[in-house]
C-alpha atoms as a PDB file:
ATOM      1  CA  MET A   1     -17.653  -4.642  10.021  1.00  0.00           C
ATOM      2  CA  THR A   2     -16.061  -7.947  10.979  1.00  0.00           C
ATOM      3  CA  THR A   3     -13.961  -8.796  14.016  1.00  0.00           C
ATOM      4  CA  PHE A   4     -11.235 -11.357  13.384  1.00  0.00           C
ATOM      5  CA  LEU A   5      -9.149 -13.119  16.022  1.00  0.00           C
ATOM      6  CA  VAL A   6      -5.664 -14.207  14.948  1.00  0.00           C
ATOM      7  CA  PRO A   7      -3.904 -16.430  17.481  1.00  0.00           C
ATOM      8  CA  THR A   8      -0.192 -16.657  16.761  1.00  0.00           C
ATOM      9  CA  ASP A   9       2.907 -18.251  18.206  1.00  0.00           C
ATOM     10  CA  SER A  10       5.432 -17.341  15.503  1.00  0.00           C
ATOM     11  CA  VAL A  11       6.140 -14.972  12.648  1.00  0.00           C
ATOM     12  CA  HIS A  12       5.373 -17.878  10.280  1.00  0.00           C
ATOM     13  CA  ALA A  13       1.918 -18.401  11.787  1.00  0.00           C
ATOM     14  CA  SER A  14       1.262 -14.663  11.585  1.00  0.00           C
ATOM     15  CA  ALA A  15       2.335 -14.555   7.938  1.00  0.00           C
ATOM     16  CA  ALA A  16       0.072 -17.485   7.013  1.00  0.00           C
ATOM     17  CA  SER A  17      -2.948 -15.904   8.717  1.00  0.00           C
ATOM     18  CA  CYS A  18      -2.203 -12.537   7.125  1.00  0.00           C
ATOM     19  CA  ASP A  19      -1.925 -14.125   3.673  1.00  0.00           C
ATOM     20  CA  TYR A  20      -5.467 -15.438   4.151  1.00  0.00           C
ATOM     21  CA  LEU A  21      -6.812 -12.152   5.520  1.00  0.00           C
ATOM     22  CA  ALA A  22      -5.033  -9.808   3.091  1.00  0.00           C
ATOM     23  CA  GLY A  23      -7.830  -9.849   0.523  1.00  0.00           C
ATOM     24  CA  ARG A  24     -10.613  -9.968   3.091  1.00  0.00           C
ATOM     25  CA  VAL A  25     -10.061  -7.246   5.681  1.00  0.00           C
ATOM     26  CA  THR A  26     -11.236  -3.708   5.120  1.00  0.00           C
ATOM     27  CA  ALA A  27     -10.727  -0.441   6.958  1.00  0.00           C
ATOM     28  CA  ALA A  28     -13.992  -1.125   8.816  1.00  0.00           C
ATOM     29  CA  ASP A  29     -12.734  -4.429  10.243  1.00  0.00           C
ATOM     30  CA  THR A  30     -10.907  -5.103  13.493  1.00  0.00           C
ATOM     31  CA  VAL A  31      -8.214  -7.737  13.907  1.00  0.00           C
ATOM     32  CA  HIS A  32      -7.207  -8.897  17.379  1.00  0.00           C
ATOM     33  CA  ALA A  33      -3.841 -10.663  17.252  1.00  0.00           C
ATOM     34  CA  VAL A  34      -3.223 -12.810  20.330  1.00  0.00           C
ATOM     35  CA  ASN A  35      -0.061 -14.460  21.629  1.00  0.00           C
ATOM     36  CA  SER A  36      -0.498 -16.636  24.713  1.00  0.00           C
ATOM     37  CA  LEU A  37       2.347 -17.606  27.031  1.00  0.00           C
ATOM     38  CA  ARG A  38       2.006 -19.690  30.175  1.00  0.00           C
ATOM     39  CA  GLY A  39       4.430 -17.613  32.237  1.00  0.00           C
ATOM     40  CA  GLY A  40       6.638 -18.625  35.136  1.00  0.00           C
ATOM     41  CA  ASP A  41       9.377 -21.158  34.472  1.00  0.00           C
ATOM     42  CA  GLU A  42       7.737 -22.162  31.187  1.00  0.00           C
ATOM     43  CA  THR A  43       8.274 -18.754  29.553  1.00  0.00           C
ATOM     44  CA  SER A  44      11.657 -17.268  28.688  1.00  0.00           C
ATOM     45  CA  ALA A  45      12.618 -13.791  27.550  1.00  0.00           C
ATOM     46  CA  ASP A  46      13.086 -15.301  24.080  1.00  0.00           C
ATOM     47  CA  ASP A  47       9.484 -16.576  24.144  1.00  0.00           C
ATOM     48  CA  VAL A  48       8.237 -13.078  24.996  1.00  0.00           C
ATOM     49  CA  ARG A  49      10.360 -11.521  22.236  1.00  0.00           C
ATOM     50  CA  ASP A  50       9.228 -14.120  19.671  1.00  0.00           C
ATOM     51  CA  GLY A  51       5.599 -13.452  20.614  1.00  0.00           C
ATOM     52  CA  GLU A  52       6.055  -9.713  20.219  1.00  0.00           C
ATOM     53  CA  GLU A  53       7.650 -10.227  16.802  1.00  0.00           C
ATOM     54  CA  ALA A  54       4.741 -12.450  15.756  1.00  0.00           C
ATOM     55  CA  LEU A  55       2.262  -9.764  16.807  1.00  0.00           C
ATOM     56  CA  ASN A  56       4.244  -7.074  14.969  1.00  0.00           C
ATOM     57  CA  VAL A  57       3.932  -9.051  11.727  1.00  0.00           C
ATOM     58  CA  VAL A  58       0.138  -8.879  11.960  1.00  0.00           C
ATOM     59  CA  THR A  59       0.220  -5.129  12.613  1.00  0.00           C
ATOM     60  CA  ALA A  60       2.542  -4.514   9.665  1.00  0.00           C
ATOM     61  CA  ARG A  61       0.828  -6.845   7.188  1.00  0.00           C
ATOM     62  CA  LEU A  62      -2.770  -5.780   7.904  1.00  0.00           C
ATOM     63  CA  ALA A  63      -2.246  -2.040   8.198  1.00  0.00           C
ATOM     64  CA  ASP A  64      -5.506  -1.288   6.344  1.00  0.00           C
ATOM     65  CA  ALA A  65      -7.573  -2.694   9.217  1.00  0.00           C
ATOM     66  CA  THR A  66      -7.664  -1.729  12.867  1.00  0.00           C
ATOM     67  CA  VAL A  67      -5.205  -4.133  14.498  1.00  0.00           C
ATOM     68  CA  GLU A  68      -4.994  -4.597  18.246  1.00  0.00           C
ATOM     69  CA  THR A  69      -2.315  -6.858  19.690  1.00  0.00           C
ATOM     70  CA  HIS A  70      -2.488  -8.760  22.966  1.00  0.00           C
ATOM     71  CA  GLN A  71       0.182 -10.815  24.689  1.00  0.00           C
ATOM     72  CA  PHE A  72      -1.315 -12.893  27.480  1.00  0.00           C
ATOM     73  CA  VAL A  73       0.794 -14.320  30.299  1.00  0.00           C
ATOM     74  CA  ARG A  74      -1.980 -15.686  32.475  1.00  0.00           C
ATOM     75  CA  GLY A  75      -0.797 -19.188  33.331  1.00  0.00           C
ATOM     76  CA  ASN A  76      -3.432 -20.686  31.041  1.00  0.00           C
ATOM     77  CA  GLU A  77      -3.095 -23.150  28.215  1.00  0.00           C
ATOM     78  CA  PRO A  78      -2.894 -21.221  24.915  1.00  0.00           C
ATOM     79  CA  GLY A  79      -6.106 -22.801  23.594  1.00  0.00           C
ATOM     80  CA  GLU A  80      -7.959 -21.641  26.692  1.00  0.00           C
ATOM     81  CA  ASP A  81      -6.666 -18.083  26.236  1.00  0.00           C
ATOM     82  CA  VAL A  82      -7.645 -18.032  22.565  1.00  0.00           C
ATOM     83  CA  LEU A  83     -11.196 -19.217  23.237  1.00  0.00           C
ATOM     84  CA  ALA A  84     -11.568 -16.699  26.070  1.00  0.00           C
ATOM     85  CA  ALA A  85     -10.255 -13.918  23.821  1.00  0.00           C
ATOM     86  CA  ALA A  86     -12.730 -14.871  21.091  1.00  0.00           C
ATOM     87  CA  ALA A  87     -15.561 -14.395  23.568  1.00  0.00           C
ATOM     88  CA  GLU A  88     -14.048 -11.269  25.144  1.00  0.00           C
ATOM     89  CA  PHE A  89     -13.605  -9.511  21.785  1.00  0.00           C
ATOM     90  CA  ASP A  90     -16.811 -10.995  20.316  1.00  0.00           C
ATOM     91  CA  ALA A  91     -14.852 -12.286  17.332  1.00  0.00           C
ATOM     92  CA  ASP A  92     -16.856 -13.187  14.260  1.00  0.00           C
ATOM     93  CA  GLU A  93     -14.142 -15.530  13.018  1.00  0.00           C
ATOM     94  CA  ILE A  94     -10.927 -17.104  14.287  1.00  0.00           C
ATOM     95  CA  VAL A  95      -8.140 -17.389  11.706  1.00  0.00           C
ATOM     96  CA  LEU A  96      -5.757 -20.100  12.851  1.00  0.00           C
ATOM     97  CA  ALA A  97      -2.489 -21.137  11.202  1.00  0.00           C
ATOM     98  CA  VAL A  98      -1.952 -24.864  11.625  1.00  0.00           C
ATOM     99  CA  GLY A  99       1.273 -26.839  11.298  1.00  0.00           C
ATOM    100  CA  ASN A 100       2.157 -30.259  10.013  1.00  0.00           C
ATOM    101  CA  ARG A 101       2.443 -32.393  13.114  1.00  0.00           C
ATOM    102  CA  SER A 102       1.763 -36.104  12.957  1.00  0.00           C
ATOM    103  CA  PRO A 103      -1.444 -37.475  14.502  1.00  0.00           C
ATOM    104  CA  VAL A 104       0.673 -39.318  17.076  1.00  0.00           C
ATOM    105  CA  GLY A 105       2.470 -36.089  18.022  1.00  0.00           C
ATOM    106  CA  LYS A 106      -0.850 -34.346  18.470  1.00  0.00           C
ATOM    107  CA  ALA A 107      -2.185 -37.185  20.612  1.00  0.00           C
ATOM    108  CA  LEU A 108       0.902 -37.296  22.825  1.00  0.00           C
ATOM    109  CA  PHE A 109       1.544 -33.598  23.245  1.00  0.00           C
ATOM    110  CA  GLY A 110      -1.869 -32.092  22.626  1.00  0.00           C
ATOM    111  CA  SER A 111      -2.795 -29.579  20.007  1.00  0.00           C
ATOM    112  CA  VAL A 112      -3.787 -25.981  20.548  1.00  0.00           C
ATOM    113  CA  ALA A 113      -5.353 -25.978  17.085  1.00  0.00           C
ATOM    114  CA  GLN A 114      -7.364 -29.104  17.855  1.00  0.00           C
ATOM    115  CA  ARG A 115      -8.692 -27.573  21.075  1.00  0.00           C
ATOM    116  CA  ILE A 116      -9.744 -24.400  19.281  1.00  0.00           C
ATOM    117  CA  LEU A 117     -11.324 -26.259  16.351  1.00  0.00           C
ATOM    118  CA  LEU A 118     -13.317 -28.585  18.601  1.00  0.00           C
ATOM    119  CA  ASP A 119     -14.331 -26.183  21.359  1.00  0.00           C
ATOM    120  CA  SER A 120     -14.978 -22.918  19.522  1.00  0.00           C
ATOM    121  CA  ASP A 121     -18.519 -21.580  19.424  1.00  0.00           C
ATOM    122  CA  ARG A 122     -17.759 -19.470  16.347  1.00  0.00           C
ATOM    123  CA  PRO A 123     -16.335 -20.129  12.867  1.00  0.00           C
ATOM    124  CA  VAL A 124     -12.668 -21.131  12.702  1.00  0.00           C
ATOM    125  CA  VAL A 125     -10.668 -20.939   9.492  1.00  0.00           C
ATOM    126  CA  ALA A 126      -7.586 -23.174   9.535  1.00  0.00           C
ATOM    127  CA  VAL A 127      -4.869 -21.987   7.152  1.00  0.00           C
ATOM    128  CA  PRO A 128      -1.689 -23.952   6.431  1.00  0.00           C
ATOM    129  CA  ARG A 129       1.459 -22.656   8.064  1.00  0.00           C
ATOM    130  CA  GLU A 130       4.373 -22.629   5.658  1.00  0.00           C
END
């Protein structure tokens, strides 16, 4: 039995992670799909809806496994929420869809993926987001 953590911020990220997991998850596995929003003025109703849609993709695509979805609105940075969720759910592996942002863009605006890759205490699989 393996516990996977799938952080997602879009249906495209969910689809990429599910493509990777499709041949790997079994009925004995658990997948925790996590969408993290900061809340307050930084989060709109559209953000909440988009997060829910992203989580629904994981539930639909990985129906053979036990899928639990979590939408966090804790005021935290998304990377912080993902790392905390990995510990909370004792995830064996984090499956993270990564985009194509330039190194300068990552340096200027930060990168959730970079934070997770550098600070995680468990294996992280980075899959390309289409």
